[in-house]
């Protein structure tokens, strides 16, 4: 189960990133976080750019609505997505 916090129409949740995958995709849950494989390597912020792009595309929001709150140099990140409801989130990760 992924732990979600809903604050003023924005969702905050943890993401566990696996870089250098063959393709970017959502794997499922991992210790309360959303586990995501990213095709980019963790070099010069490429994985962070890819995670923002991938999450924006997956959840149908703009890249400007996706924020990395913490963990920019870690595999464990805290993400905030504006203009996203819990029901939309749960529907998209199934």
N, C-alpha and C. Protein backbone atom coordinates (compact mmCIF):
# COMPACT_ATOMS: atom_id res chain seq x y z
N UNK A 1 0.83 -1.18 0.00
CA UNK A 1 0.00 0.00 0.00
C UNK A 1 0.88 1.25 0.00
N UNK A 2 0.59 2.15 -0.89
CA UNK A 2 1.37 3.38 -1.02
C UNK A 2 0.77 4.44 -0.10
N UNK A 3 1.62 5.05 0.73
CA UNK A 3 1.17 6.07 1.67
C UNK A 3 1.05 7.41 0.94
N UNK A 4 -0.18 7.95 0.92
CA UNK A 4 -0.45 9.20 0.24
C UNK A 4 -0.88 10.26 1.23
N UNK A 5 -0.43 11.50 1.02
CA UNK A 5 -0.87 12.63 1.81
C UNK A 5 -1.51 13.62 0.84
N UNK A 6 -2.77 13.98 1.10
CA UNK A 6 -3.51 14.91 0.25
C UNK A 6 -3.56 16.27 0.94
N UNK A 7 -2.91 17.28 0.34
CA UNK A 7 -2.89 18.62 0.91
C UNK A 7 -3.32 19.61 -0.17
N UNK A 8 -4.47 20.22 0.03
CA UNK A 8 -4.99 21.26 -0.88
C UNK A 8 -4.94 20.87 -2.35
N UNK A 9 -5.42 19.70 -2.69
CA UNK A 9 -5.48 19.26 -4.08
C UNK A 9 -4.17 18.74 -4.64
N UNK A 10 -3.17 18.59 -3.79
CA UNK A 10 -1.88 18.03 -4.20
C UNK A 10 -1.63 16.74 -3.43
N UNK A 11 -1.01 15.79 -4.10
CA UNK A 11 -0.65 14.54 -3.44
C UNK A 11 0.84 14.53 -3.16
N UNK A 12 1.21 14.06 -1.97
CA UNK A 12 2.61 13.89 -1.60
C UNK A 12 2.81 12.42 -1.27
N UNK A 13 3.86 11.83 -1.85
CA UNK A 13 4.13 10.42 -1.63
C UNK A 13 5.61 10.15 -1.87
N UNK A 14 6.07 8.99 -1.44
CA UNK A 14 7.46 8.58 -1.63
C UNK A 14 7.58 7.73 -2.89
N UNK A 15 8.73 7.85 -3.53
CA UNK A 15 9.02 7.07 -4.73
C UNK A 15 10.36 6.39 -4.54
N UNK A 16 10.44 5.13 -4.88
CA UNK A 16 11.70 4.38 -4.90
C UNK A 16 12.08 4.24 -6.37
N UNK A 17 13.18 4.85 -6.77
CA UNK A 17 13.60 4.89 -8.16
C UNK A 17 14.66 3.82 -8.44
N UNK A 18 14.47 3.09 -9.53
CA UNK A 18 15.45 2.13 -10.00
C UNK A 18 15.94 2.64 -11.35
N UNK A 19 17.15 3.23 -11.39
CA UNK A 19 17.66 3.79 -12.64
C UNK A 19 18.20 2.73 -13.58
N UNK A 20 18.48 3.14 -14.81
CA UNK A 20 19.06 2.29 -15.86
C UNK A 20 18.21 1.08 -16.21
N UNK A 21 16.91 1.24 -16.20
CA UNK A 21 16.01 0.16 -16.61
C UNK A 21 15.90 0.16 -18.13
N UNK A 22 15.36 -0.90 -18.69
CA UNK A 22 15.21 -0.95 -20.15
C UNK A 22 14.14 0.04 -20.63
N UNK A 23 13.17 0.33 -19.76
CA UNK A 23 12.14 1.33 -20.07
C UNK A 23 11.60 1.90 -18.77
N UNK A 24 11.01 3.08 -18.87
CA UNK A 24 10.43 3.71 -17.68
C UNK A 24 9.04 3.13 -17.45
N UNK A 25 8.80 2.67 -16.20
CA UNK A 25 7.50 2.07 -15.88
C UNK A 25 7.29 2.04 -14.37
N UNK A 26 6.01 1.97 -13.98
CA UNK A 26 5.66 1.81 -12.57
C UNK A 26 5.66 0.32 -12.28
N UNK A 27 6.36 -0.06 -11.21
CA UNK A 27 6.46 -1.47 -10.85
C UNK A 27 5.39 -1.84 -9.82
N UNK A 28 5.10 -0.95 -8.88
CA UNK A 28 4.14 -1.21 -7.82
C UNK A 28 4.57 -0.53 -6.55
N UNK A 29 4.26 -1.14 -5.42
CA UNK A 29 4.62 -0.58 -4.13
C UNK A 29 5.88 -1.21 -3.55
N UNK A 30 6.58 -0.44 -2.71
CA UNK A 30 7.77 -0.93 -2.03
C UNK A 30 7.89 -0.19 -0.71
N UNK A 31 7.60 -0.84 0.40
CA UNK A 31 7.68 -0.24 1.74
C UNK A 31 6.93 1.08 1.84
N UNK A 32 5.71 1.13 1.31
CA UNK A 32 4.89 2.34 1.38
C UNK A 32 5.19 3.37 0.32
N UNK A 33 6.12 3.08 -0.59
CA UNK A 33 6.50 4.01 -1.66
C UNK A 33 6.09 3.41 -3.01
N UNK A 34 5.97 4.28 -3.99
CA UNK A 34 5.71 3.87 -5.35
C UNK A 34 7.06 3.51 -5.99
N UNK A 35 7.19 2.28 -6.47
CA UNK A 35 8.45 1.85 -7.08
C UNK A 35 8.37 2.10 -8.59
N UNK A 36 9.35 2.85 -9.10
CA UNK A 36 9.37 3.24 -10.51
C UNK A 36 10.73 2.91 -11.11
N UNK A 37 10.71 2.23 -12.25
CA UNK A 37 11.93 2.00 -13.02
C UNK A 37 12.08 3.14 -14.02
N UNK A 38 13.30 3.67 -14.12
CA UNK A 38 13.57 4.79 -15.01
C UNK A 38 14.68 4.40 -15.98
N UNK A 39 14.50 4.73 -17.25
CA UNK A 39 15.48 4.36 -18.28
C UNK A 39 16.76 5.17 -18.18
N UNK A 40 16.71 6.35 -17.58
CA UNK A 40 17.89 7.22 -17.50
C UNK A 40 18.85 6.77 -16.40
N UNK A 41 20.14 7.04 -16.60
CA UNK A 41 21.12 6.76 -15.54
C UNK A 41 21.11 7.90 -14.51
N UNK A 42 21.58 7.63 -13.30
CA UNK A 42 21.61 8.67 -12.27
C UNK A 42 22.84 9.57 -12.39
N UNK A 43 23.00 10.20 -13.54
CA UNK A 43 24.16 11.03 -13.81
C UNK A 43 23.69 12.44 -14.16
N UNK A 44 24.27 13.45 -13.52
CA UNK A 44 23.98 14.86 -13.80
C UNK A 44 22.49 15.18 -13.75
N UNK A 45 21.75 14.53 -12.88
CA UNK A 45 20.32 14.84 -12.72
C UNK A 45 19.42 14.27 -13.79
N UNK A 46 19.95 13.43 -14.67
CA UNK A 46 19.14 12.87 -15.76
C UNK A 46 17.98 12.04 -15.23
N UNK A 47 18.20 11.28 -14.16
CA UNK A 47 17.12 10.46 -13.60
C UNK A 47 16.03 11.34 -13.00
N UNK A 48 16.41 12.46 -12.38
CA UNK A 48 15.40 13.37 -11.82
C UNK A 48 14.54 13.99 -12.92
N UNK A 49 15.17 14.39 -14.01
CA UNK A 49 14.42 14.94 -15.15
C UNK A 49 13.47 13.89 -15.70
N UNK A 50 13.95 12.66 -15.82
CA UNK A 50 13.12 11.58 -16.35
C UNK A 50 11.97 11.23 -15.41
N UNK A 51 12.21 11.22 -14.10
CA UNK A 51 11.13 10.88 -13.16
C UNK A 51 10.04 11.94 -13.21
N UNK A 52 10.42 13.21 -13.32
CA UNK A 52 9.42 14.29 -13.43
C UNK A 52 8.63 14.13 -14.72
N UNK A 53 9.32 13.91 -15.83
CA UNK A 53 8.66 13.74 -17.13
C UNK A 53 7.73 12.53 -17.12
N UNK A 54 8.22 11.41 -16.59
CA UNK A 54 7.45 10.18 -16.59
C UNK A 54 6.20 10.30 -15.70
N UNK A 55 6.35 10.85 -14.50
CA UNK A 55 5.20 10.98 -13.60
C UNK A 55 4.17 11.96 -14.17
N UNK A 56 4.62 13.04 -14.78
CA UNK A 56 3.69 14.00 -15.39
C UNK A 56 2.89 13.32 -16.51
N UNK A 57 3.56 12.57 -17.34
CA UNK A 57 2.88 11.87 -18.44
C UNK A 57 1.92 10.80 -17.90
N UNK A 58 2.38 10.04 -16.92
CA UNK A 58 1.56 8.96 -16.36
C UNK A 58 0.28 9.48 -15.72
N UNK A 59 0.39 10.58 -14.96
CA UNK A 59 -0.77 11.08 -14.23
C UNK A 59 -1.52 12.19 -14.96
N UNK A 60 -1.09 12.53 -16.16
CA UNK A 60 -1.81 13.50 -16.98
C UNK A 60 -1.77 14.93 -16.44
N UNK A 61 -0.63 15.32 -15.88
CA UNK A 61 -0.44 16.69 -15.39
C UNK A 61 0.77 17.28 -16.12
N UNK A 62 0.97 18.58 -15.98
CA UNK A 62 2.12 19.19 -16.62
C UNK A 62 3.38 18.92 -15.79
N UNK A 63 4.54 19.03 -16.42
CA UNK A 63 5.80 18.83 -15.71
C UNK A 63 5.97 19.84 -14.59
N UNK A 64 5.37 21.01 -14.74
CA UNK A 64 5.44 22.04 -13.71
C UNK A 64 4.64 21.70 -12.46
N UNK A 65 3.77 20.69 -12.55
CA UNK A 65 2.97 20.25 -11.40
C UNK A 65 3.68 19.17 -10.58
N UNK A 66 4.83 18.69 -11.04
CA UNK A 66 5.56 17.62 -10.36
C UNK A 66 6.81 18.21 -9.71
N UNK A 67 6.92 18.01 -8.40
CA UNK A 67 8.04 18.57 -7.64
C UNK A 67 8.75 17.46 -6.87
N UNK A 68 10.08 17.49 -6.86
CA UNK A 68 10.86 16.60 -6.01
C UNK A 68 11.12 17.38 -4.73
N UNK A 69 10.45 17.00 -3.64
CA UNK A 69 10.59 17.71 -2.38
C UNK A 69 11.89 17.36 -1.66
N UNK A 70 12.30 16.10 -1.74
CA UNK A 70 13.55 15.68 -1.12
C UNK A 70 14.06 14.44 -1.81
N UNK A 71 15.36 14.20 -1.65
CA UNK A 71 15.98 13.00 -2.20
C UNK A 71 16.50 13.15 -3.61
N UNK A 72 16.91 14.35 -3.99
CA UNK A 72 17.38 14.57 -5.36
C UNK A 72 18.59 13.73 -5.72
N UNK A 73 19.40 13.35 -4.74
CA UNK A 73 20.58 12.52 -5.03
C UNK A 73 20.42 11.10 -4.48
N UNK A 74 19.20 10.72 -4.15
CA UNK A 74 18.93 9.42 -3.55
C UNK A 74 17.96 8.63 -4.42
N UNK A 75 17.92 7.32 -4.22
CA UNK A 75 16.92 6.49 -4.89
C UNK A 75 15.55 6.67 -4.26
N UNK A 76 15.52 7.12 -3.01
CA UNK A 76 14.26 7.36 -2.30
C UNK A 76 13.94 8.85 -2.38
N UNK A 77 12.83 9.17 -3.01
CA UNK A 77 12.45 10.57 -3.22
C UNK A 77 11.07 10.84 -2.64
N UNK A 78 10.86 12.08 -2.24
CA UNK A 78 9.55 12.54 -1.79
C UNK A 78 9.02 13.44 -2.90
N UNK A 79 7.87 13.08 -3.45
CA UNK A 79 7.31 13.75 -4.62
C UNK A 79 6.00 14.44 -4.26
N UNK A 80 5.79 15.60 -4.84
CA UNK A 80 4.51 16.32 -4.72
C UNK A 80 3.99 16.54 -6.13
N UNK A 81 2.72 16.14 -6.35
CA UNK A 81 2.08 16.38 -7.64
C UNK A 81 0.83 17.22 -7.39
N UNK A 82 0.81 18.41 -7.97
CA UNK A 82 -0.34 19.31 -7.84
C UNK A 82 -1.43 18.86 -8.82
N UNK A 83 -2.65 19.23 -8.50
CA UNK A 83 -3.81 18.96 -9.37
C UNK A 83 -4.04 17.47 -9.62
N UNK A 84 -3.87 16.67 -8.58
CA UNK A 84 -4.06 15.23 -8.69
C UNK A 84 -4.81 14.73 -7.46
N UNK A 85 -5.89 13.98 -7.69
CA UNK A 85 -6.68 13.44 -6.59
C UNK A 85 -6.22 12.01 -6.27
N UNK A 86 -6.58 11.55 -5.08
CA UNK A 86 -6.21 10.18 -4.69
C UNK A 86 -6.85 9.17 -5.62
N UNK A 87 -8.09 9.40 -6.02
CA UNK A 87 -8.77 8.45 -6.90
C UNK A 87 -8.10 8.38 -8.26
N UNK A 88 -7.67 9.51 -8.81
CA UNK A 88 -6.96 9.52 -10.09
C UNK A 88 -5.63 8.79 -9.96
N UNK A 89 -4.93 9.04 -8.86
CA UNK A 89 -3.64 8.38 -8.62
C UNK A 89 -3.82 6.87 -8.59
N UNK A 90 -4.77 6.41 -7.79
CA UNK A 90 -4.99 4.96 -7.64
C UNK A 90 -5.42 4.32 -8.95
N UNK A 91 -6.20 5.03 -9.75
CA UNK A 91 -6.65 4.52 -11.02
C UNK A 91 -5.48 4.34 -12.00
N UNK A 92 -4.56 5.30 -12.00
CA UNK A 92 -3.45 5.28 -12.95
C UNK A 92 -2.38 4.24 -12.61
N UNK A 93 -2.21 3.88 -11.34
CA UNK A 93 -1.15 2.94 -10.99
C UNK A 93 -1.60 1.48 -11.07
N UNK A 94 -2.86 1.26 -11.37
CA UNK A 94 -3.34 -0.13 -11.49
C UNK A 94 -2.91 -0.76 -12.78
